[in-house]
Amino acid sequence: MVLFFIKSGGKKSRLFFRLFKRSFFLKGGNLFLFLFVFIFISSVLAAPKGKVTIENQEIPLQKKFFLKVEINWKGEEERYEIHAPRLELPEGIEEEGVSSFSIGGSEEYKIVYLFQLVANKEGEYRIDPIEVDYQEKGKPELFTKRIPGVSFKVLKRPTLGTKNQWLLFGIGLFVFLGIFSMLYLWNSRKIKRNETIHDLSKKEIRENFLAKLEECRKYKTEGKVDKFLQTAIFIKKELESFQGEEDKGKELADMEELLERVKYGGLKVGSEVVEKYFKDLERLVRKC
């Protein structure tokens, strides 16, 4: 068919070349446009991306904190040359230093910049935007990536943030309940053990008091006032110690003074006084 058009010459031959020429250039133009769009989209998708984070949204006054800038792209390290990010710091925020490290892989590469900042004034702040210059290796064109910044508050008193506050509150409550439970169990066992010992020895102690009381009765009957007073004072002190009480009157002091006057002053004590002391002792011993 092509040979027919060529051999026939004239209008048919010229019409064929015109149609062929128009069709070729139309298809070629579409192909070039497709290649351009494909290269543009690929370069946009492969361009470095950025992210900015801050360690806490509430910063204590005069305390250092870190602002982290992450730059990552698809491909290997050699694909791009990254320049250090530029920060526009507001008044009241100062930069103390910057460090960086990189993380590489077969499909993605990342550079992390850590800016150490310090807040010198209370208030609400925003560091925005953060600009990063980069260029493809071996090419002179310099591109700028604008990364959205972060907002934060600077407070006079140190804060931990809501999540950390609840976490510390929970840990503190757990520790407090644990210590309280241990002390309660230990104290309960101690009380129970003391009650057992007390119950076992109470009968024996009462028998000892009764024996001492019989000694007092004997000395009272024999008229040995000094011996009576010595034994009576001993019983009264032991009773107070056993019952955990202190003498709130003057009876014990009077008995001690009376004993001194009997032993060293030759004082004669009437039987009614001795009988009164004995009755009081007997009542106390019977109650224990």
Protein backbone atom coordinates (compact mmCIF):
# COMPACT_ATOMS: atom_id res chain seq x y z
CA MET A 1 0.00 0.00 0.00
CA VAL A 2 2.86 2.30 0.82
CA LEU A 3 4.53 1.50 -2.51
CA PHE A 4 1.26 2.21 -4.26
CA PHE A 5 1.04 5.67 -2.76
CA ILE A 6 4.68 6.37 -3.56
CA LYS A 7 4.51 5.12 -7.14
CA SER A 8 1.22 6.80 -7.89
CA GLY A 9 2.86 10.18 -7.18
CA GLY A 10 0.91 13.38 -7.31
CA LYS A 11 -1.64 14.22 -4.65
CA LYS A 12 -1.82 10.76 -3.12
CA SER A 13 1.93 10.64 -2.46
CA ARG A 14 1.99 14.08 -0.88
CA LEU A 15 -1.06 13.24 1.28
CA PHE A 16 0.66 10.11 2.69
CA PHE A 17 3.82 11.97 3.73
CA ARG A 18 1.76 14.73 5.31
CA LEU A 19 -0.27 12.26 7.41
CA PHE A 20 2.83 10.28 8.42
CA LYS A 21 4.68 13.42 9.46
CA ARG A 22 1.75 14.73 11.55
CA SER A 23 1.20 11.37 13.27
CA PHE A 24 4.88 10.96 14.14
CA PHE A 25 5.25 14.38 15.74
CA LEU A 26 2.01 14.04 17.69
CA LYS A 27 3.09 10.73 19.16
CA GLY A 28 6.58 12.03 19.82
CA GLY A 29 5.19 15.08 21.62
CA ASN A 30 3.04 12.90 23.87
CA LEU A 31 6.02 10.72 24.65
CA PHE A 32 8.19 13.68 25.61
CA LEU A 33 5.41 15.11 27.79
CA PHE A 34 4.95 11.77 29.53
CA LEU A 35 8.68 11.45 30.19
CA PHE A 36 8.82 14.99 31.59
CA VAL A 37 5.89 14.41 33.96
CA PHE A 38 7.33 11.07 35.07
CA ILE A 39 10.75 12.55 35.85
CA PHE A 40 9.18 15.51 37.70
CA ILE A 41 6.94 13.32 39.86
CA SER A 42 9.81 10.94 40.62
CA SER A 43 12.06 13.78 41.69
CA VAL A 44 9.33 15.25 43.91
CA LEU A 45 8.60 11.92 45.57
CA ALA A 46 12.30 11.19 46.07
CA ALA A 47 13.14 14.66 47.42
CA PRO A 48 14.16 14.85 51.09
CA LYS A 49 11.36 15.10 53.63
CA GLY A 50 11.55 16.64 57.08
CA LYS A 51 9.94 16.40 60.49
CA VAL A 52 10.40 18.49 63.63
CA THR A 53 9.62 17.30 67.16
CA ILE A 54 10.20 18.60 70.68
CA GLU A 55 10.68 16.50 73.81
CA ASN A 56 7.85 18.18 75.74
CA GLN A 57 5.16 20.76 75.06
CA GLU A 58 5.76 22.36 78.47
CA ILE A 59 9.32 23.46 79.15
CA PRO A 60 10.60 24.54 82.61
CA LEU A 61 12.17 27.97 82.77
CA GLN A 62 15.99 28.03 82.57
CA LYS A 63 16.12 24.32 81.74
CA LYS A 64 17.80 22.93 78.64
CA PHE A 65 15.70 20.97 76.16
CA PHE A 66 16.12 19.38 72.73
CA LEU A 67 14.54 20.17 69.37
CA LYS A 68 14.89 17.30 66.90
CA VAL A 69 14.95 17.81 63.12
CA GLU A 70 14.80 14.66 60.96
CA ILE A 71 15.67 14.67 57.25
CA ASN A 72 15.08 11.49 55.26
CA TRP A 73 14.93 10.45 51.62
CA LYS A 74 14.55 7.37 49.48
CA GLY A 75 17.79 5.90 48.29
CA GLU A 76 21.37 5.87 49.47
CA GLU A 77 23.44 8.45 51.32
CA GLU A 78 25.31 9.63 48.22
CA ARG A 79 22.14 10.88 46.55
CA TYR A 80 21.91 14.22 48.39
CA GLU A 81 24.14 16.63 50.24
CA ILE A 82 22.25 18.10 53.22
CA HIS A 83 23.15 21.41 54.84
CA ALA A 84 22.54 22.07 58.53
CA PRO A 85 18.99 23.31 59.28
CA ARG A 86 18.45 27.00 59.97
CA LEU A 87 16.36 27.99 62.98
CA GLU A 88 14.67 31.35 63.47
CA LEU A 89 14.64 31.44 67.27
CA PRO A 90 12.23 33.83 68.99
CA GLU A 91 13.40 36.20 71.69
CA GLY A 92 13.80 34.34 74.98
CA ILE A 93 15.06 31.10 73.41
CA GLU A 94 18.79 30.54 72.91
CA GLU A 95 20.75 27.81 71.16
CA GLU A 96 23.38 26.04 73.28
CA GLY A 97 24.69 23.64 70.63
CA VAL A 98 23.80 21.13 67.94
CA SER A 99 24.74 17.52 67.23
CA SER A 100 23.79 15.11 64.46
CA PHE A 101 23.82 11.45 63.55
CA SER A 102 22.69 9.42 60.56
CA ILE A 103 20.82 6.17 60.01
CA GLY A 104 21.33 4.41 56.70
CA GLY A 105 19.59 1.55 54.97
CA SER A 106 19.22 -0.03 51.56
CA GLU A 107 16.01 1.87 50.76
CA GLU A 108 16.06 4.96 52.98
CA TYR A 109 18.60 7.27 54.59
CA LYS A 110 18.02 9.60 57.53
CA ILE A 111 19.95 12.43 59.20
CA VAL A 112 18.90 13.60 62.66
CA TYR A 113 19.89 16.99 64.10
CA LEU A 114 19.53 17.64 67.84
CA PHE A 115 19.44 21.31 68.78
CA GLN A 116 20.05 21.99 72.47
CA LEU A 117 18.04 25.05 73.48
CA VAL A 118 17.38 26.92 76.71
CA ALA A 119 14.37 29.05 77.65
CA ASN A 120 15.14 32.30 79.46
CA LYS A 121 11.65 33.78 79.58
CA GLU A 122 8.15 32.53 80.32
CA GLY A 123 5.52 32.50 77.60
CA GLU A 124 4.20 30.70 74.54
CA TYR A 125 6.62 30.18 71.65
CA ARG A 126 6.69 28.83 68.13
CA ILE A 127 9.80 28.00 66.14
CA ASP A 128 8.66 28.13 62.52
CA PRO A 129 9.56 27.53 59.82
CA ILE A 130 12.74 25.50 59.80
CA GLU A 131 14.64 25.63 56.52
CA VAL A 132 17.04 23.02 55.19
CA ASP A 133 19.19 23.52 52.08
CA TYR A 134 20.10 20.47 50.00
CA GLN A 135 21.42 19.58 46.56
CA GLU A 136 21.88 16.48 44.51
CA LYS A 137 25.41 15.13 44.46
CA GLY A 138 27.29 16.38 41.44
CA LYS A 139 24.78 19.13 40.61
CA PRO A 140 25.13 22.83 41.41
CA GLU A 141 21.43 23.58 41.95
CA LEU A 142 20.58 24.36 45.58
CA PHE A 143 17.08 23.63 46.86
CA THR A 144 15.45 24.71 50.12
CA LYS A 145 13.07 22.56 52.13
CA ARG A 146 10.70 24.36 54.51
CA ILE A 147 9.60 22.18 57.43
CA PRO A 148 6.66 23.16 59.67
CA GLY A 149 7.86 24.06 63.15
CA VAL A 150 6.59 23.38 66.67
CA SER A 151 4.81 25.28 69.44
CA PHE A 152 5.50 25.02 73.18
CA LYS A 153 5.09 26.79 76.50
CA VAL A 154 7.77 27.90 78.93
CA LEU A 155 6.60 27.71 82.54
CA LYS A 156 8.14 29.03 85.72
CA ARG A 157 7.77 25.78 87.63
CA PRO A 158 8.99 22.47 86.23
CA THR A 159 6.28 20.26 84.79
CA LEU A 160 6.33 16.67 83.60
CA GLY A 161 3.49 16.71 81.11
CA THR A 162 0.13 15.06 81.56
CA LYS A 163 1.15 11.53 80.59
CA ASN A 164 4.29 11.55 82.72
CA GLN A 165 2.40 13.03 85.67
CA TRP A 166 -0.17 10.24 85.59
CA LEU A 167 2.58 7.66 85.18
CA LEU A 168 4.52 8.95 88.18
CA PHE A 169 1.31 9.23 90.20
CA GLY A 170 0.48 5.60 89.43
CA ILE A 171 3.98 4.41 90.32
CA GLY A 172 3.96 6.40 93.56
CA LEU A 173 0.53 5.06 94.51
CA PHE A 174 1.63 1.50 93.76
CA VAL A 175 4.78 1.88 95.90
CA PHE A 176 2.81 3.50 98.73
CA LEU A 177 0.21 0.72 98.76
CA GLY A 178 2.95 -1.91 98.69
CA ILE A 179 4.80 -0.38 101.64
CA PHE A 180 1.55 0.15 103.55
CA SER A 181 0.52 -3.50 103.00
CA MET A 182 3.90 -4.78 104.17
CA LEU A 183 3.83 -2.62 107.30
CA TYR A 184 0.25 -3.67 108.05
CA LEU A 185 1.07 -7.37 107.77
CA TRP A 186 4.25 -7.01 109.82
CA ASN A 187 2.46 -5.01 112.53
CA SER A 188 -0.46 -7.46 112.62
CA ARG A 189 1.87 -10.40 113.09
CA LYS A 190 3.80 -8.53 115.78
CA ILE A 191 0.62 -7.67 117.69
CA LYS A 192 -0.65 -11.22 117.39
CA ARG A 193 2.70 -12.58 118.60
CA ASN A 194 2.77 -10.15 121.54
CA GLU A 195 -0.81 -11.04 122.46
CA THR A 196 0.10 -14.73 122.45
CA ILE A 197 3.13 -14.14 124.66
CA HIS A 198 1.10 -11.88 126.93
CA ASP A 199 -1.68 -14.48 127.28
CA LEU A 200 0.84 -17.21 128.07
CA SER A 201 2.67 -15.18 130.73
CA LYS A 202 -0.28 -13.31 132.27
CA LYS A 203 -1.20 -16.18 134.57
CA GLU A 204 2.39 -16.57 135.74
CA ILE A 205 2.76 -12.82 136.38
CA ARG A 206 -0.49 -12.74 138.37
CA GLU A 207 0.72 -15.66 140.47
CA ASN A 208 3.94 -13.74 141.22
CA PHE A 209 1.94 -10.69 142.31
CA LEU A 210 -0.23 -12.86 144.56
CA ALA A 211 2.89 -14.39 146.10
CA LYS A 212 4.31 -10.91 146.81
CA LEU A 213 0.96 -9.87 148.24
CA GLU A 214 1.11 -12.82 150.65
CA GLU A 215 4.55 -11.60 151.74
CA CYS A 216 3.01 -8.21 152.48
CA ARG A 217 0.26 -9.92 154.50
CA LYS A 218 2.91 -11.82 156.46
CA TYR A 219 4.96 -8.67 157.21
CA LYS A 220 1.76 -6.81 158.17
CA THR A 221 0.80 -9.58 160.60
CA GLU A 222 4.32 -9.72 162.08
CA GLY A 223 4.45 -5.93 162.46
CA LYS A 224 7.48 -5.55 160.18
CA VAL A 225 6.44 -2.23 158.70
CA ASP A 226 9.70 -1.57 156.83
CA LYS A 227 9.57 -4.98 155.10
CA PHE A 228 5.90 -4.43 154.35
CA LEU A 229 6.55 -1.02 152.77
CA GLN A 230 9.50 -2.31 150.68
CA THR A 231 7.41 -5.17 149.27
CA ALA A 232 4.36 -2.94 148.75
CA ILE A 233 6.44 -0.37 146.82
CA PHE A 234 7.92 -3.15 144.65
CA ILE A 235 4.44 -4.56 143.86
CA LYS A 236 3.04 -1.12 143.00
CA LYS A 237 5.91 -0.28 140.62
CA GLU A 238 5.70 -3.68 138.91
CA LEU A 239 1.95 -3.35 138.50
CA GLU A 240 2.36 0.05 136.85
CA SER A 241 5.03 -1.33 134.50
CA PHE A 242 2.93 -4.37 133.62
CA GLN A 243 -0.21 -2.33 132.97
CA GLY A 244 1.67 0.40 131.08
CA GLU A 245 0.45 3.13 133.39
CA GLU A 246 2.23 5.75 135.43
CA ASP A 247 1.37 6.66 139.01
CA LYS A 248 -0.76 9.78 138.73
CA GLY A 249 -1.07 10.44 142.50
CA LYS A 250 1.23 10.90 145.43
CA GLU A 251 0.64 7.49 146.98
CA LEU A 252 3.84 5.90 145.73
CA ALA A 253 5.93 8.94 146.69
CA ASP A 254 4.27 9.00 150.11
CA MET A 255 5.03 5.31 150.62
CA GLU A 256 8.71 5.84 149.71
CA GLU A 257 8.96 8.82 152.04
CA LEU A 258 7.27 6.84 154.81
CA LEU A 259 9.72 3.98 154.34
CA GLU A 260 12.67 6.38 154.73
CA ARG A 261 11.23 7.79 157.96
CA VAL A 262 10.58 4.29 159.36
CA LYS A 263 14.03 2.94 158.50
CA TYR A 264 16.16 5.93 159.42
CA GLY A 265 13.95 8.09 161.63
CA GLY A 266 12.44 5.41 163.85
CA LEU A 267 8.88 6.48 162.99
CA LYS A 268 6.11 4.29 164.34
CA VAL A 269 3.31 3.64 161.84
CA GLY A 270 -0.17 2.72 162.99
CA SER A 271 -1.83 -0.51 161.89
CA GLU A 272 -4.68 1.40 160.21
CA VAL A 273 -2.20 3.00 157.74
CA VAL A 274 -0.61 -0.35 156.96
CA GLU A 275 -4.06 -1.92 156.53
CA LYS A 276 -5.11 0.83 154.10
CA TYR A 277 -2.01 0.29 151.92
CA PHE A 278 -2.57 -3.47 151.98
CA LYS A 279 -6.23 -3.17 150.91
CA ASP A 280 -5.25 -0.90 147.99
CA LEU A 281 -2.55 -3.35 146.86
CA GLU A 282 -4.89 -6.31 147.14
CA ARG A 283 -7.49 -4.53 145.00
CA LEU A 284 -4.91 -3.72 142.28
CA VAL A 285 -3.49 -7.26 142.23
CA ARG A 286 -6.95 -8.82 141.93
CA LYS A 287 -7.70 -6.56 138.93
CA CYS A 288 -4.61 -7.50 136.91
